[in-house]
């Protein structure tokens, strides 16, 4: 049953990685053009350059993500993704509203999304049998893209009501929850491996 699959700690961590990577990325990315162009007065070309750089940072690392997961492991890649996304929040919250701040923040956001999402989906494929894959992946995709849609819808209201700095700070609880989940899963996996020796 799907409930049995979804109750596995590894499945839950994989699901949370997909949810948090997409929700945080969509929330911040959707608000960026509004903050840059409408509120801070940056040109359309500057805004386009930031979003383009963000998209490149999202997908270009995929050329090496699989190799990095093999070399470093899933948990380390997830942690690296969380650190990159947290660095985006730090840039936005602490440095300011200059073009270079937006550029650095959104590149870090894209890179963090890639590392966390690819590692999460890699872990997901290890949590079910071939006969279970449609239910397991279907639920993961439904939950992930529902969270992305809700985050995108909330971004406009959040940038209007909270401003750029506070909007980014809203992502911190999600990233902390993801960090806690990865660390707990890694610790439990290490204890299980020690017990079987």
Protein backbone atom coordinates (compact mmCIF):
# COMPACT_ATOMS: atom_id res chain seq x y z
CA UNK A 1 0.00 0.00 0.00
CA UNK A 2 1.06 3.58 -0.62
CA UNK A 3 0.88 4.29 3.11
CA UNK A 4 3.47 1.57 3.75
CA UNK A 5 5.78 2.95 1.07
CA UNK A 6 5.39 6.54 2.24
CA UNK A 7 6.03 5.65 5.88
CA UNK A 8 9.62 4.62 5.16
CA UNK A 9 12.12 7.17 6.50
CA UNK A 10 14.08 7.17 3.24
CA UNK A 11 10.92 7.80 1.20
CA UNK A 12 9.90 10.65 3.49
CA UNK A 13 13.34 12.27 3.17
CA UNK A 14 13.20 11.93 -0.62
CA UNK A 15 9.71 13.42 -0.68
CA UNK A 16 10.74 16.30 1.59
CA UNK A 17 13.75 16.98 -0.65
CA UNK A 18 11.51 17.33 -3.68
CA UNK A 19 8.93 19.40 -1.80
CA UNK A 20 11.37 21.78 -0.16
CA UNK A 21 13.61 22.26 -3.20
CA UNK A 22 10.69 23.14 -5.46
CA UNK A 23 8.74 25.18 -2.93
CA UNK A 24 11.68 27.35 -1.85
CA UNK A 25 12.98 27.77 -5.38
CA UNK A 26 9.58 28.69 -6.85
CA UNK A 27 8.71 31.02 -3.98
CA UNK A 28 11.89 33.07 -4.34
CA UNK A 29 12.23 32.87 -8.12
CA UNK A 30 8.64 33.96 -8.78
CA UNK A 31 9.08 37.01 -6.54
CA UNK A 32 12.42 38.04 -8.04
CA UNK A 33 11.18 39.88 -11.16
CA UNK A 34 8.63 41.78 -9.08
CA UNK A 35 11.24 42.76 -6.51
CA UNK A 36 13.94 43.61 -9.06
CA UNK A 37 11.96 45.43 -11.72
CA UNK A 38 8.84 46.77 -10.05
CA UNK A 39 10.09 47.56 -6.54
CA UNK A 40 13.82 48.21 -7.02
CA UNK A 41 13.73 49.71 -10.52
CA UNK A 42 16.22 47.41 -12.23
CA UNK A 43 15.84 47.21 -16.00
CA UNK A 44 14.00 44.43 -17.78
CA UNK A 45 17.30 43.29 -19.30
CA UNK A 46 18.99 43.09 -15.90
CA UNK A 47 16.05 41.13 -14.51
CA UNK A 48 16.11 38.80 -17.51
CA UNK A 49 19.84 38.22 -17.03
CA UNK A 50 19.31 37.21 -13.40
CA UNK A 51 16.49 34.80 -14.23
CA UNK A 52 18.46 33.33 -17.16
CA UNK A 53 21.49 32.79 -14.93
CA UNK A 54 19.23 31.16 -12.35
CA UNK A 55 17.85 28.74 -14.94
CA UNK A 56 21.34 27.85 -16.15
CA UNK A 57 22.37 27.19 -12.53
CA UNK A 58 19.32 24.94 -12.14
CA UNK A 59 20.03 22.65 -15.07
CA UNK A 60 23.69 22.86 -16.10
CA UNK A 61 24.96 21.10 -12.93
CA UNK A 62 22.90 18.05 -13.98
CA UNK A 63 25.80 17.16 -16.25
CA UNK A 64 27.80 16.36 -13.11
CA UNK A 65 25.14 15.72 -10.44
CA UNK A 66 24.99 11.97 -10.97
CA UNK A 67 28.76 11.66 -10.76
CA UNK A 68 28.83 13.80 -7.61
CA UNK A 69 26.15 11.66 -5.97
CA UNK A 70 28.22 8.56 -6.73
CA UNK A 71 31.36 10.15 -5.31
CA UNK A 72 29.95 12.01 -2.32
CA UNK A 73 26.71 10.21 -1.51
CA UNK A 74 23.08 11.27 -1.43
CA UNK A 75 23.10 12.81 2.06
CA UNK A 76 26.11 15.04 1.36
CA UNK A 77 24.58 16.23 -1.89
CA UNK A 78 21.34 17.08 -0.09
CA UNK A 79 23.27 18.96 2.57
CA UNK A 80 25.18 20.86 -0.13
CA UNK A 81 21.87 21.81 -1.75
CA UNK A 82 20.47 23.07 1.55
CA UNK A 83 23.64 25.11 2.19
CA UNK A 84 23.41 26.73 -1.28
CA UNK A 85 19.76 27.63 -0.78
CA UNK A 86 20.52 29.01 2.69
CA UNK A 87 23.34 31.07 1.16
CA UNK A 88 20.81 32.54 -1.28
CA UNK A 89 18.64 33.59 1.67
CA UNK A 90 21.69 35.07 3.42
CA UNK A 91 22.65 37.11 0.34
CA UNK A 92 19.11 38.42 -0.03
CA UNK A 93 18.61 39.15 3.66
CA UNK A 94 21.99 40.63 4.52
CA UNK A 95 23.59 42.22 1.47
CA UNK A 96 21.03 44.32 -0.35
CA UNK A 97 19.17 44.93 -3.58
CA UNK A 98 21.96 45.53 -6.11
CA UNK A 99 22.07 43.62 -9.38
CA UNK A 100 25.04 41.55 -8.18
CA UNK A 101 23.16 40.57 -5.02
CA UNK A 102 20.18 39.32 -7.01
CA UNK A 103 22.48 37.53 -9.46
CA UNK A 104 24.52 35.78 -6.76
CA UNK A 105 21.42 34.85 -4.78
CA UNK A 106 19.51 33.38 -7.71
CA UNK A 107 22.52 31.43 -8.99
CA UNK A 108 22.94 29.91 -5.52
CA UNK A 109 19.22 29.17 -5.44
CA UNK A 110 19.35 27.37 -8.78
CA UNK A 111 22.41 25.35 -7.81
CA UNK A 112 20.87 24.42 -4.46
CA UNK A 113 17.66 23.31 -6.16
CA UNK A 114 19.62 21.05 -8.51
CA UNK A 115 21.70 19.38 -5.81
CA UNK A 116 18.79 18.84 -3.42
CA UNK A 117 16.25 17.76 -6.03
CA UNK A 118 18.53 15.38 -7.96
CA UNK A 119 19.77 13.77 -4.73
CA UNK A 120 16.20 13.45 -3.49
CA UNK A 121 14.92 11.81 -6.66
CA UNK A 122 17.90 9.46 -6.65
CA UNK A 123 17.01 8.40 -3.12
CA UNK A 124 13.35 8.04 -4.12
CA UNK A 125 14.19 5.36 -6.70
CA UNK A 126 15.71 3.23 -3.92
CA UNK A 127 12.59 3.17 -1.76
CA UNK A 128 10.20 1.01 -3.79
CA UNK A 129 10.04 -2.13 -5.88
CA UNK A 130 9.41 -2.00 -9.66
CA UNK A 131 5.76 -2.94 -9.07
CA UNK A 132 5.34 0.01 -6.67
CA UNK A 133 7.04 2.67 -8.78
CA UNK A 134 3.93 4.23 -10.33
CA UNK A 135 2.21 4.81 -7.00
CA UNK A 136 5.38 5.94 -5.26
CA UNK A 137 6.51 8.32 -7.99
CA UNK A 138 2.97 9.52 -8.69
CA UNK A 139 2.42 10.56 -5.08
CA UNK A 140 5.84 12.22 -4.94
CA UNK A 141 5.17 14.19 -8.13
CA UNK A 142 1.68 15.22 -7.03
CA UNK A 143 2.92 16.48 -3.66
CA UNK A 144 5.96 18.21 -5.19
CA UNK A 145 4.13 20.10 -7.90
CA UNK A 146 1.25 21.00 -5.59
CA UNK A 147 3.78 22.60 -3.24
CA UNK A 148 5.41 24.39 -6.19
CA UNK A 149 2.07 25.78 -7.36
CA UNK A 150 1.13 26.99 -3.87
CA UNK A 151 4.55 28.60 -3.38
CA UNK A 152 4.32 30.39 -6.73
CA UNK A 153 0.83 31.64 -5.95
CA UNK A 154 1.93 32.90 -2.52
CA UNK A 155 5.00 34.73 -3.85
CA UNK A 156 3.16 37.78 -5.19
CA UNK A 157 1.28 38.41 -1.97
CA UNK A 158 4.42 37.75 0.06
CA UNK A 159 6.60 40.23 -1.83
CA UNK A 160 3.87 42.87 -1.55
CA UNK A 161 3.27 42.27 2.14
CA UNK A 162 6.70 41.32 3.44
CA UNK A 163 9.28 42.79 1.09
CA UNK A 164 12.27 41.03 -0.47
CA UNK A 165 14.31 40.49 2.70
CA UNK A 166 11.50 39.00 4.78
CA UNK A 167 10.20 36.93 1.89
CA UNK A 168 13.55 35.15 1.76
CA UNK A 169 13.58 34.67 5.52
CA UNK A 170 10.26 32.78 5.22
CA UNK A 171 12.24 29.97 3.55
CA UNK A 172 14.39 29.34 6.61
CA UNK A 173 11.96 27.03 8.52
CA UNK A 174 11.57 24.83 5.43
CA UNK A 175 15.33 24.57 4.99
CA UNK A 176 15.84 23.83 8.69
CA UNK A 177 13.20 21.09 8.57
CA UNK A 178 14.92 19.58 5.55
CA UNK A 179 18.29 19.78 7.29
CA UNK A 180 16.91 18.01 10.36
CA UNK A 181 15.32 15.29 8.23
CA UNK A 182 18.55 14.57 6.32
CA UNK A 183 20.67 14.47 9.48
CA UNK A 184 18.21 12.18 11.27
CA UNK A 185 17.98 9.85 8.27
CA UNK A 186 21.76 9.72 7.87
CA UNK A 187 22.24 8.99 11.58
CA UNK A 188 19.61 6.23 11.51
CA UNK A 189 21.16 4.70 8.38
CA UNK A 190 24.61 4.72 9.99
CA UNK A 191 23.25 3.05 13.15
CA UNK A 192 21.48 0.39 11.05
CA UNK A 193 24.67 -0.31 9.11
CA UNK A 194 26.64 -0.64 12.36
CA UNK A 195 24.05 -3.01 13.82
CA UNK A 196 24.24 -5.37 10.83
CA UNK A 197 28.03 -5.77 11.03
